[in-house]
């Protein structure tokens, strides 16, 4: 097993743990720098920037490292960097309240943009102002880990029921001219 290599992390911020459950009773953990898991998952930072210590733990809080045999049994290899990449991509990361709040705010903004682009005021047919949509979203419960389209539709339906928004879905009518040789392929696509 390689020696632990300590890396610098921002002063005052406590390291975060990413946990990957292999089975009901067995999980492995790695220690990461705060706020770096999301950037790694978006391919904006390297593994060496994320990892605080290049060790896979059975229990990171107690600093109990996993043995090579346990790693090989669970992951099929003992390469700590490959295992850490898998844990980072599929594991459960601890997030601070500020990180969760930022995620929810970004999700609200994306939902408001989606509603603004795809729905119009039912009476006037004009787009609904973003400020009005955001004020409705403040009253709704929005989670950061849900599907954008489904969440937006749920919010619109609830707002309609409560009378907070009077909206209709925007529809676009188009005429498409294609050569005859593409008629069959195009008809399959546009009959939905």
C-alpha atoms as a PDB file:
ATOM      1  CA  UNK A   1       0.000   0.000   0.000  1.00  0.00           C
ATOM      2  CA  UNK A   2       1.417   3.442  -0.900  1.00  0.00           C
ATOM      3  CA  UNK A   3       2.405   5.858   1.813  1.00  0.00           C
ATOM      4  CA  UNK A   4      -0.016   8.604   2.727  1.00  0.00           C
ATOM      5  CA  UNK A   5       0.793  11.794   0.903  1.00  0.00           C
ATOM      6  CA  UNK A   6      -0.647  14.814   2.642  1.00  0.00           C
ATOM      7  CA  UNK A   7      -1.747  17.729   0.538  1.00  0.00           C
ATOM      8  CA  UNK A   8      -2.594  21.281   1.413  1.00  0.00           C
ATOM      9  CA  UNK A   9      -6.170  22.357   1.877  1.00  0.00           C
ATOM     10  CA  UNK A  10      -7.682  25.714   2.626  1.00  0.00           C
ATOM     11  CA  UNK A  11      -7.179  26.857   6.203  1.00  0.00           C
ATOM     12  CA  UNK A  12     -10.240  26.749   8.416  1.00  0.00           C
ATOM     13  CA  UNK A  13     -12.202  24.445   6.134  1.00  0.00           C
ATOM     14  CA  UNK A  14     -12.543  20.878   7.299  1.00  0.00           C
ATOM     15  CA  UNK A  15     -11.877  18.067   4.848  1.00  0.00           C
ATOM     16  CA  UNK A  16     -14.888  16.304   3.342  1.00  0.00           C
ATOM     17  CA  UNK A  17     -15.479  12.579   3.037  1.00  0.00           C
ATOM     18  CA  UNK A  18     -16.808  10.788  -0.029  1.00  0.00           C
ATOM     19  CA  UNK A  19     -18.303   7.392   0.805  1.00  0.00           C
ATOM     20  CA  UNK A  20     -18.914   4.529  -1.633  1.00  0.00           C
ATOM     21  CA  UNK A  21     -21.021   1.593  -0.484  1.00  0.00           C
ATOM     22  CA  UNK A  22     -19.931  -1.698  -2.019  1.00  0.00           C
ATOM     23  CA  UNK A  23     -22.427  -3.804  -0.076  1.00  0.00           C
ATOM     24  CA  UNK A  24     -24.818  -3.395   2.813  1.00  0.00           C
ATOM     25  CA  UNK A  25     -22.066  -3.762   5.404  1.00  0.00           C
ATOM     26  CA  UNK A  26     -18.990  -2.611   3.484  1.00  0.00           C
ATOM     27  CA  UNK A  27     -18.113   0.884   2.371  1.00  0.00           C
ATOM     28  CA  UNK A  28     -14.944   2.726   1.459  1.00  0.00           C
ATOM     29  CA  UNK A  29     -14.111   6.397   1.967  1.00  0.00           C
ATOM     30  CA  UNK A  30     -11.686   8.990   0.681  1.00  0.00           C
ATOM     31  CA  UNK A  31     -10.850  12.410   2.080  1.00  0.00           C
ATOM     32  CA  UNK A  32     -11.176  15.352  -0.289  1.00  0.00           C
ATOM     33  CA  UNK A  33     -10.700  19.099  -0.211  1.00  0.00           C
ATOM     34  CA  UNK A  34     -13.934  21.013   0.475  1.00  0.00           C
ATOM     35  CA  UNK A  35     -15.921  22.083  -2.574  1.00  0.00           C
ATOM     36  CA  UNK A  36     -13.890  20.104  -5.091  1.00  0.00           C
ATOM     37  CA  UNK A  37     -16.101  17.061  -5.722  1.00  0.00           C
ATOM     38  CA  UNK A  38     -18.562  18.933  -7.944  1.00  0.00           C
ATOM     39  CA  UNK A  39     -15.778  20.447 -10.044  1.00  0.00           C
ATOM     40  CA  UNK A  40     -14.176  17.017 -10.456  1.00  0.00           C
ATOM     41  CA  UNK A  41     -17.490  15.489 -11.545  1.00  0.00           C
ATOM     42  CA  UNK A  42     -17.821  18.243 -14.159  1.00  0.00           C
ATOM     43  CA  UNK A  43     -14.276  17.477 -15.419  1.00  0.00           C
ATOM     44  CA  UNK A  44     -12.983  20.874 -14.331  1.00  0.00           C
ATOM     45  CA  UNK A  45     -10.339  19.707 -11.862  1.00  0.00           C
ATOM     46  CA  UNK A  46      -7.802  16.918 -11.632  1.00  0.00           C
ATOM     47  CA  UNK A  47      -7.775  14.054  -9.178  1.00  0.00           C
ATOM     48  CA  UNK A  48      -4.661  15.389  -7.455  1.00  0.00           C
ATOM     49  CA  UNK A  49      -6.439  18.719  -6.792  1.00  0.00           C
ATOM     50  CA  UNK A  50      -9.402  16.939  -5.205  1.00  0.00           C
ATOM     51  CA  UNK A  51      -7.756  14.297  -3.021  1.00  0.00           C
ATOM     52  CA  UNK A  52      -6.519  15.421   0.354  1.00  0.00           C
ATOM     53  CA  UNK A  53      -4.763  12.103   1.051  1.00  0.00           C
ATOM     54  CA  UNK A  54      -4.070   9.379  -1.497  1.00  0.00           C
ATOM     55  CA  UNK A  55      -5.446   6.619   0.713  1.00  0.00           C
ATOM     56  CA  UNK A  56      -8.705   4.692   0.632  1.00  0.00           C
ATOM     57  CA  UNK A  57     -10.169   4.242   4.095  1.00  0.00           C
ATOM     58  CA  UNK A  58     -12.591   1.836   5.719  1.00  0.00           C
ATOM     59  CA  UNK A  59     -13.304   4.624   8.199  1.00  0.00           C
ATOM     60  CA  UNK A  60     -11.825   8.023   7.344  1.00  0.00           C
ATOM     61  CA  UNK A  61     -12.797   9.678  10.648  1.00  0.00           C
ATOM     62  CA  UNK A  62     -10.809   7.105  12.604  1.00  0.00           C
ATOM     63  CA  UNK A  63      -8.099   6.981   9.891  1.00  0.00           C
ATOM     64  CA  UNK A  64      -8.495   3.232   9.358  1.00  0.00           C
ATOM     65  CA  UNK A  65      -7.072   2.458   5.899  1.00  0.00           C
ATOM     66  CA  UNK A  66      -8.450  -0.344   3.748  1.00  0.00           C
ATOM     67  CA  UNK A  67      -6.139  -3.271   3.097  1.00  0.00           C
ATOM     68  CA  UNK A  68      -4.975  -4.231  -0.369  1.00  0.00           C
ATOM     69  CA  UNK A  69      -6.985  -7.464  -0.170  1.00  0.00           C
ATOM     70  CA  UNK A  70     -10.192  -5.579   0.654  1.00  0.00           C
ATOM     71  CA  UNK A  71      -9.637  -3.141  -2.207  1.00  0.00           C
ATOM     72  CA  UNK A  72      -8.921  -5.949  -4.679  1.00  0.00           C
ATOM     73  CA  UNK A  73     -12.011  -7.870  -3.551  1.00  0.00           C
ATOM     74  CA  UNK A  74     -14.285  -4.816  -3.872  1.00  0.00           C
ATOM     75  CA  UNK A  75     -12.819  -3.040  -6.931  1.00  0.00           C
ATOM     76  CA  UNK A  76     -10.788  -5.675  -8.758  1.00  0.00           C
ATOM     77  CA  UNK A  77      -7.567  -3.669  -8.435  1.00  0.00           C
ATOM     78  CA  UNK A  78      -5.395  -2.015  -5.810  1.00  0.00           C
ATOM     79  CA  UNK A  79      -4.528   1.196  -7.677  1.00  0.00           C
ATOM     80  CA  UNK A  80      -5.591   3.924  -5.249  1.00  0.00           C
ATOM     81  CA  UNK A  81      -6.040   6.565  -7.974  1.00  0.00           C
ATOM     82  CA  UNK A  82      -8.391   4.377 -10.061  1.00  0.00           C
ATOM     83  CA  UNK A  83     -10.370   3.450  -6.966  1.00  0.00           C
ATOM     84  CA  UNK A  84     -10.512   7.097  -5.862  1.00  0.00           C
ATOM     85  CA  UNK A  85     -11.849   8.122  -9.296  1.00  0.00           C
ATOM     86  CA  UNK A  86     -14.593   5.507  -9.011  1.00  0.00           C
ATOM     87  CA  UNK A  87     -15.474   6.591  -5.472  1.00  0.00           C
ATOM     88  CA  UNK A  88     -15.543  10.245  -6.544  1.00  0.00           C
ATOM     89  CA  UNK A  89     -17.764   9.611  -9.552  1.00  0.00           C
ATOM     90  CA  UNK A  90     -20.236   7.204  -7.911  1.00  0.00           C
ATOM     91  CA  UNK A  91     -19.941   7.849  -4.183  1.00  0.00           C
ATOM     92  CA  UNK A  92     -21.951  10.008  -1.815  1.00  0.00           C
ATOM     93  CA  UNK A  93     -20.157  13.254  -1.041  1.00  0.00           C
ATOM     94  CA  UNK A  94     -20.645  15.318   2.087  1.00  0.00           C
ATOM     95  CA  UNK A  95     -21.812  18.811   1.245  1.00  0.00           C
ATOM     96  CA  UNK A  96     -21.892  21.858   3.464  1.00  0.00           C
ATOM     97  CA  UNK A  97     -25.062  23.860   3.915  1.00  0.00           C
ATOM     98  CA  UNK A  98     -23.660  26.682   1.784  1.00  0.00           C
ATOM     99  CA  UNK A  99     -22.906  24.239  -1.064  1.00  0.00           C
ATOM    100  CA  UNK A 100     -26.440  22.807  -0.854  1.00  0.00           C
ATOM    101  CA  UNK A 101     -27.899  26.317  -0.810  1.00  0.00           C
ATOM    102  CA  UNK A 102     -25.890  27.295  -3.906  1.00  0.00           C
ATOM    103  CA  UNK A 103     -27.088  24.140  -5.672  1.00  0.00           C
ATOM    104  CA  UNK A 104     -30.729  24.856  -4.843  1.00  0.00           C
ATOM    105  CA  UNK A 105     -30.403  28.490  -5.949  1.00  0.00           C
ATOM    106  CA  UNK A 106     -28.849  27.433  -9.259  1.00  0.00           C
ATOM    107  CA  UNK A 107     -31.631  24.860  -9.728  1.00  0.00           C
ATOM    108  CA  UNK A 108     -34.287  27.530  -9.034  1.00  0.00           C
ATOM    109  CA  UNK A 109     -32.700  29.810 -11.589  1.00  0.00           C
ATOM    110  CA  UNK A 110     -32.620  27.011 -14.195  1.00  0.00           C
ATOM    111  CA  UNK A 111     -36.261  26.128 -13.493  1.00  0.00           C
ATOM    112  CA  UNK A 112     -37.267  29.797 -13.801  1.00  0.00           C
ATOM    113  CA  UNK A 113     -35.437  30.031 -17.144  1.00  0.00           C
ATOM    114  CA  UNK A 114     -37.152  26.833 -18.353  1.00  0.00           C
ATOM    115  CA  UNK A 115     -40.600  28.136 -17.364  1.00  0.00           C
ATOM    116  CA  UNK A 116     -39.858  31.496 -18.987  1.00  0.00           C
ATOM    117  CA  UNK A 117     -38.838  29.828 -22.275  1.00  0.00           C
ATOM    118  CA  UNK A 118     -41.606  27.204 -22.421  1.00  0.00           C
ATOM    119  CA  UNK A 119     -44.655  28.854 -20.840  1.00  0.00           C
ATOM    120  CA  UNK A 120     -46.537  32.082 -21.481  1.00  0.00           C
ATOM    121  CA  UNK A 121     -49.147  34.113 -19.617  1.00  0.00           C
ATOM    122  CA  UNK A 122     -52.523  32.511 -20.385  1.00  0.00           C
ATOM    123  CA  UNK A 123     -54.319  35.863 -20.797  1.00  0.00           C
ATOM    124  CA  UNK A 124     -51.806  37.883 -22.791  1.00  0.00           C
ATOM    125  CA  UNK A 125     -49.613  35.241 -24.407  1.00  0.00           C
ATOM    126  CA  UNK A 126     -46.509  37.162 -23.314  1.00  0.00           C
ATOM    127  CA  UNK A 127     -43.565  35.540 -21.525  1.00  0.00           C
ATOM    128  CA  UNK A 128     -43.791  35.518 -17.738  1.00  0.00           C
ATOM    129  CA  UNK A 129     -41.199  37.808 -16.098  1.00  0.00           C
ATOM    130  CA  UNK A 130     -38.383  35.971 -14.327  1.00  0.00           C
ATOM    131  CA  UNK A 131     -38.954  37.926 -11.098  1.00  0.00           C
ATOM    132  CA  UNK A 132     -42.543  36.716 -10.947  1.00  0.00           C
ATOM    133  CA  UNK A 133     -41.481  33.111 -11.530  1.00  0.00           C
ATOM    134  CA  UNK A 134     -38.740  33.375  -8.897  1.00  0.00           C
ATOM    135  CA  UNK A 135     -41.220  34.756  -6.350  1.00  0.00           C
ATOM    136  CA  UNK A 136     -43.461  31.724  -6.966  1.00  0.00           C
ATOM    137  CA  UNK A 137     -40.440  29.433  -6.622  1.00  0.00           C
ATOM    138  CA  UNK A 138     -39.621  30.940  -3.226  1.00  0.00           C
ATOM    139  CA  UNK A 139     -42.945  29.561  -1.966  1.00  0.00           C
ATOM    140  CA  UNK A 140     -42.309  26.122  -3.493  1.00  0.00           C
ATOM    141  CA  UNK A 141     -39.994  23.416  -2.229  1.00  0.00           C
ATOM    142  CA  UNK A 142     -37.195  22.841  -4.764  1.00  0.00           C
ATOM    143  CA  UNK A 143     -34.565  20.118  -4.394  1.00  0.00           C
ATOM    144  CA  UNK A 144     -31.183  20.250  -6.093  1.00  0.00           C
ATOM    145  CA  UNK A 145     -31.033  16.612  -7.170  1.00  0.00           C
ATOM    146  CA  UNK A 146     -34.183  16.264  -9.263  1.00  0.00           C
ATOM    147  CA  UNK A 147     -34.891  16.389 -13.005  1.00  0.00           C
ATOM    148  CA  UNK A 148     -35.275  19.965 -14.249  1.00  0.00           C
ATOM    149  CA  UNK A 149     -38.203  19.375 -16.619  1.00  0.00           C
ATOM    150  CA  UNK A 150     -40.212  17.250 -14.187  1.00  0.00           C
ATOM    151  CA  UNK A 151     -39.632  19.693 -11.351  1.00  0.00           C
ATOM    152  CA  UNK A 152     -40.648  22.666 -13.528  1.00  0.00           C
ATOM    153  CA  UNK A 153     -43.860  20.918 -14.603  1.00  0.00           C
ATOM    154  CA  UNK A 154     -44.670  20.020 -10.984  1.00  0.00           C
ATOM    155  CA  UNK A 155     -44.146  23.625  -9.900  1.00  0.00           C
ATOM    156  CA  UNK A 156     -46.286  24.984 -12.756  1.00  0.00           C
ATOM    157  CA  UNK A 157     -49.097  22.548 -11.907  1.00  0.00           C
ATOM    158  CA  UNK A 158     -49.014  23.477  -8.209  1.00  0.00           C
ATOM    159  CA  UNK A 159     -48.891  27.205  -9.006  1.00  0.00           C
ATOM    160  CA  UNK A 160     -51.888  26.827 -11.343  1.00  0.00           C
ATOM    161  CA  UNK A 161     -53.881  25.014  -8.641  1.00  0.00           C
ATOM    162  CA  UNK A 162     -53.094  27.720  -6.077  1.00  0.00           C
ATOM    163  CA  UNK A 163     -53.805  30.510  -8.574  1.00  0.00           C
ATOM    164  CA  UNK A 164     -50.292  31.952  -8.302  1.00  0.00           C
ATOM    165  CA  UNK A 165     -49.595  31.639 -12.041  1.00  0.00           C
ATOM    166  CA  UNK A 166     -51.926  31.683 -15.002  1.00  0.00           C
ATOM    167  CA  UNK A 167     -49.854  29.995 -17.699  1.00  0.00           C
ATOM    168  CA  UNK A 168     -50.180  28.010 -20.876  1.00  0.00           C
ATOM    169  CA  UNK A 169     -47.572  25.953 -22.630  1.00  0.00           C
ATOM    170  CA  UNK A 170     -45.993  27.657 -25.639  1.00  0.00           C
ATOM    171  CA  UNK A 171     -46.508  25.818 -28.897  1.00  0.00           C
ATOM    172  CA  UNK A 172     -44.603  26.305 -32.088  1.00  0.00           C
ATOM    173  CA  UNK A 173     -46.202  25.588 -35.438  1.00  0.00           C
ATOM    174  CA  UNK A 174     -43.774  25.055 -38.315  1.00  0.00           C
ATOM    175  CA  UNK A 175     -43.919  24.080 -41.928  1.00  0.00           C
ATOM    176  CA  UNK A 176     -41.135  21.857 -43.128  1.00  0.00           C
ATOM    177  CA  UNK A 177     -40.404  21.197 -46.767  1.00  0.00           C
ATOM    178  CA  UNK A 178     -38.372  18.077 -47.569  1.00  0.00           C
ATOM    179  CA  UNK A 179     -37.506  16.268 -50.769  1.00  0.00           C
ATOM    180  CA  UNK A 180     -39.667  13.199 -51.443  1.00  0.00           C
ATOM    181  CA  UNK A 181     -36.806  10.767 -50.835  1.00  0.00           C
ATOM    182  CA  UNK A 182     -36.744  11.787 -47.111  1.00  0.00           C
ATOM    183  CA  UNK A 183     -40.523  11.607 -46.605  1.00  0.00           C
ATOM    184  CA  UNK A 184     -40.663   8.225 -44.866  1.00  0.00           C
ATOM    185  CA  UNK A 185     -37.810   8.935 -42.440  1.00  0.00           C
ATOM    186  CA  UNK A 186     -39.174  12.392 -41.616  1.00  0.00           C
ATOM    187  CA  UNK A 187     -42.729  11.161 -41.070  1.00  0.00           C
ATOM    188  CA  UNK A 188     -41.495   8.762 -38.365  1.00  0.00           C
ATOM    189  CA  UNK A 189     -39.751  11.639 -36.570  1.00  0.00           C
ATOM    190  CA  UNK A 190     -42.546  14.203 -36.715  1.00  0.00           C
ATOM    191  CA  UNK A 191     -45.647  12.079 -36.088  1.00  0.00           C
ATOM    192  CA  UNK A 192     -45.075  12.151 -32.333  1.00  0.00           C
END
